[in-house]
Amino acid sequence: MTHRARHDEREDSSGTSAHVAGRRAAPGRGEFLEFLGLTLAAGAFVLFVTRPEVSEGLVRALAARASAFVH
């Protein structure tokens, strides 16, 4: 997973960085979103490998939308 650097905090500060005033943090949310993104990327990769016509259809749909914006 991704390495996250810790910000400089005073040693006398008790608790986690989520408890420090002025910070909004949801514990575990970043890891869940990262897992969800990796799962979606892996699923898309498997879909494009097993069903190449899906990627061709996606390219055609994107090209059609792009040409609609030009006209």
N, C-alpha and C. Protein backbone atom coordinates (compact mmCIF):
# COMPACT_ATOMS: atom_id res chain seq x y z
N MET A 1 0.82 -1.18 0.00
CA MET A 1 0.00 0.00 0.00
C MET A 1 0.88 1.25 0.00
N THR A 2 0.26 2.38 0.00
CA THR A 2 0.96 3.64 -0.09
C THR A 2 1.57 4.01 1.26
N HIS A 3 2.81 4.50 1.23
CA HIS A 3 3.46 4.97 2.44
C HIS A 3 3.04 6.40 2.70
N ARG A 4 2.58 6.66 3.90
CA ARG A 4 2.14 8.01 4.27
C ARG A 4 3.11 8.59 5.29
N ALA A 5 3.65 9.74 4.98
CA ALA A 5 4.59 10.40 5.89
C ALA A 5 3.80 11.10 6.98
N ARG A 6 4.35 11.06 8.19
CA ARG A 6 3.71 11.75 9.31
C ARG A 6 4.19 13.19 9.33
N HIS A 7 3.27 14.09 9.64
CA HIS A 7 3.61 15.50 9.77
C HIS A 7 4.29 15.72 11.12
N ASP A 8 5.08 16.78 11.19
CA ASP A 8 5.75 17.09 12.45
C ASP A 8 4.72 17.46 13.50
N GLU A 9 4.78 16.78 14.62
CA GLU A 9 3.90 17.07 15.73
C GLU A 9 4.74 17.21 16.98
N ARG A 10 4.24 17.99 17.92
CA ARG A 10 4.94 18.12 19.19
C ARG A 10 4.87 16.81 19.94
N GLU A 11 5.94 16.50 20.67
CA GLU A 11 5.98 15.24 21.40
C GLU A 11 5.02 15.25 22.58
N ASP A 12 4.67 16.45 23.09
CA ASP A 12 3.77 16.50 24.23
C ASP A 12 2.30 16.37 23.80
N SER A 13 2.05 16.30 22.51
CA SER A 13 0.70 16.14 22.01
C SER A 13 0.22 14.72 22.26
N SER A 14 -0.92 14.61 22.90
CA SER A 14 -1.45 13.27 23.17
C SER A 14 -2.52 12.93 22.14
N GLY A 15 -2.63 11.66 21.82
CA GLY A 15 -3.63 11.22 20.85
C GLY A 15 -3.07 11.18 19.45
N THR A 16 -3.93 10.80 18.53
CA THR A 16 -3.53 10.70 17.14
C THR A 16 -3.67 12.04 16.46
N SER A 17 -3.22 12.13 15.22
CA SER A 17 -3.30 13.39 14.49
C SER A 17 -4.75 13.78 14.21
N ALA A 18 -5.68 12.83 14.27
CA ALA A 18 -7.09 13.14 14.06
C ALA A 18 -7.65 13.93 15.23
N HIS A 19 -7.01 13.84 16.40
CA HIS A 19 -7.49 14.55 17.58
C HIS A 19 -6.86 15.93 17.73
N VAL A 20 -5.93 16.28 16.87
CA VAL A 20 -5.28 17.58 16.94
C VAL A 20 -6.25 18.62 16.38
N ALA A 21 -6.35 19.75 17.04
CA ALA A 21 -7.28 20.79 16.63
C ALA A 21 -6.95 21.26 15.22
N GLY A 22 -7.97 21.48 14.42
CA GLY A 22 -7.79 21.99 13.06
C GLY A 22 -7.61 20.93 12.00
N ARG A 23 -7.65 19.67 12.39
CA ARG A 23 -7.50 18.59 11.41
C ARG A 23 -8.81 17.82 11.31
N ARG A 24 -9.17 17.52 10.07
CA ARG A 24 -10.33 16.67 9.84
C ARG A 24 -9.83 15.37 9.26
N ALA A 25 -10.02 14.31 9.98
CA ALA A 25 -9.53 13.02 9.50
C ALA A 25 -10.53 11.94 9.86
N ALA A 26 -10.80 11.10 8.92
CA ALA A 26 -11.64 9.93 9.17
C ALA A 26 -10.73 8.72 9.18
N PRO A 27 -10.58 8.07 10.33
CA PRO A 27 -9.63 6.95 10.40
C PRO A 27 -10.05 5.81 9.49
N GLY A 28 -9.09 5.35 8.68
CA GLY A 28 -9.34 4.21 7.81
C GLY A 28 -9.98 4.54 6.49
N ARG A 29 -10.42 5.75 6.29
CA ARG A 29 -11.12 6.09 5.05
C ARG A 29 -10.19 6.05 3.85
N GLY A 30 -8.97 6.55 4.01
CA GLY A 30 -8.01 6.58 2.92
C GLY A 30 -7.64 5.18 2.45
N GLU A 31 -7.47 4.27 3.40
CA GLU A 31 -7.14 2.90 3.04
C GLU A 31 -8.28 2.24 2.29
N PHE A 32 -9.53 2.51 2.72
CA PHE A 32 -10.68 1.93 2.04
C PHE A 32 -10.80 2.45 0.61
N LEU A 33 -10.62 3.75 0.43
CA LEU A 33 -10.71 4.32 -0.91
C LEU A 33 -9.60 3.81 -1.82
N GLU A 34 -8.41 3.64 -1.24
CA GLU A 34 -7.31 3.09 -2.02
C GLU A 34 -7.61 1.65 -2.43
N PHE A 35 -8.15 0.86 -1.51
CA PHE A 35 -8.52 -0.53 -1.83
C PHE A 35 -9.61 -0.56 -2.89
N LEU A 36 -10.59 0.32 -2.77
CA LEU A 36 -11.67 0.37 -3.76
C LEU A 36 -11.15 0.73 -5.14
N GLY A 37 -10.25 1.70 -5.21
CA GLY A 37 -9.67 2.10 -6.49
C GLY A 37 -8.84 0.99 -7.12
N LEU A 38 -8.05 0.30 -6.30
CA LEU A 38 -7.25 -0.81 -6.83
C LEU A 38 -8.15 -1.95 -7.31
N THR A 39 -9.23 -2.20 -6.58
CA THR A 39 -10.16 -3.25 -6.99
C THR A 39 -10.82 -2.90 -8.31
N LEU A 40 -11.25 -1.66 -8.46
CA LEU A 40 -11.87 -1.25 -9.72
C LEU A 40 -10.88 -1.30 -10.88
N ALA A 41 -9.65 -0.89 -10.64
CA ALA A 41 -8.64 -0.94 -11.70
C ALA A 41 -8.33 -2.38 -12.10
N ALA A 42 -8.23 -3.27 -11.12
CA ALA A 42 -7.96 -4.68 -11.43
C ALA A 42 -9.14 -5.30 -12.18
N GLY A 43 -10.35 -4.96 -11.79
CA GLY A 43 -11.53 -5.47 -12.48
C GLY A 43 -11.59 -4.99 -13.92
N ALA A 44 -11.27 -3.71 -14.15
CA ALA A 44 -11.26 -3.17 -15.50
C ALA A 44 -10.18 -3.84 -16.35
N PHE A 45 -9.02 -4.08 -15.75
CA PHE A 45 -7.95 -4.76 -16.48
C PHE A 45 -8.37 -6.15 -16.91
N VAL A 46 -8.98 -6.91 -15.99
CA VAL A 46 -9.43 -8.26 -16.32
C VAL A 46 -10.51 -8.21 -17.39
N LEU A 47 -11.41 -7.25 -17.30
CA LEU A 47 -12.47 -7.14 -18.30
C LEU A 47 -11.89 -6.83 -19.68
N PHE A 48 -10.92 -5.94 -19.76
CA PHE A 48 -10.33 -5.58 -21.04
C PHE A 48 -9.49 -6.71 -21.62
N VAL A 49 -8.91 -7.55 -20.78
CA VAL A 49 -8.12 -8.67 -21.27
C VAL A 49 -9.03 -9.79 -21.75
N THR A 50 -10.08 -10.08 -21.00
CA THR A 50 -10.95 -11.20 -21.37
C THR A 50 -11.95 -10.83 -22.45
N ARG A 51 -12.37 -9.57 -22.52
CA ARG A 51 -13.34 -9.13 -23.52
C ARG A 51 -12.82 -7.90 -24.25
N PRO A 52 -11.96 -8.06 -25.26
CA PRO A 52 -11.36 -6.90 -25.94
C PRO A 52 -12.38 -6.01 -26.65
N GLU A 53 -13.54 -6.56 -26.99
CA GLU A 53 -14.55 -5.72 -27.67
C GLU A 53 -15.10 -4.64 -26.75
N VAL A 54 -14.99 -4.83 -25.45
CA VAL A 54 -15.45 -3.81 -24.51
C VAL A 54 -14.58 -2.56 -24.63
N SER A 55 -13.27 -2.75 -24.73
CA SER A 55 -12.38 -1.60 -24.85
C SER A 55 -12.60 -0.88 -26.18
N GLU A 56 -12.88 -1.64 -27.24
CA GLU A 56 -13.16 -1.01 -28.53
C GLU A 56 -14.44 -0.20 -28.47
N GLY A 57 -15.44 -0.72 -27.81
CA GLY A 57 -16.70 0.01 -27.65
C GLY A 57 -16.53 1.26 -26.82
N LEU A 58 -15.69 1.18 -25.78
CA LEU A 58 -15.43 2.34 -24.94
C LEU A 58 -14.71 3.43 -25.74
N VAL A 59 -13.75 3.05 -26.55
CA VAL A 59 -13.02 4.03 -27.37
C VAL A 59 -13.97 4.68 -28.36
N ARG A 60 -14.84 3.91 -28.97
CA ARG A 60 -15.81 4.49 -29.93
C ARG A 60 -16.77 5.44 -29.24
N ALA A 61 -17.23 5.08 -28.05
CA ALA A 61 -18.15 5.96 -27.31
C ALA A 61 -17.46 7.26 -26.92
N LEU A 62 -16.22 7.18 -26.47
CA LEU A 62 -15.49 8.40 -26.13
C LEU A 62 -15.23 9.26 -27.35
N ALA A 63 -14.92 8.63 -28.48
CA ALA A 63 -14.69 9.38 -29.71
C ALA A 63 -15.97 10.06 -30.18
N ALA A 64 -17.10 9.38 -30.04
CA ALA A 64 -18.38 9.98 -30.44
C ALA A 64 -18.71 11.19 -29.58
N ARG A 65 -18.46 11.09 -28.27
CA ARG A 65 -18.72 12.23 -27.39
C ARG A 65 -17.77 13.38 -27.69
N ALA A 66 -16.51 13.06 -27.97
CA ALA A 66 -15.54 14.11 -28.29
C ALA A 66 -15.94 14.82 -29.57
N SER A 67 -16.40 14.08 -30.56
CA SER A 67 -16.79 14.71 -31.82
C SER A 67 -18.07 15.52 -31.63
N ALA A 68 -18.93 15.13 -30.69
CA ALA A 68 -20.14 15.91 -30.43
C ALA A 68 -19.78 17.27 -29.82
N PHE A 69 -18.74 17.32 -29.01
CA PHE A 69 -18.31 18.59 -28.42
C PHE A 69 -17.69 19.52 -29.47
N VAL A 70 -17.08 18.94 -30.50
CA VAL A 70 -16.43 19.74 -31.53
C VAL A 70 -17.47 20.41 -32.41
N HIS A 71 -18.55 19.72 -32.69
CA HIS A 71 -19.58 20.27 -33.60
C HIS A 71 -20.49 21.14 -32.87
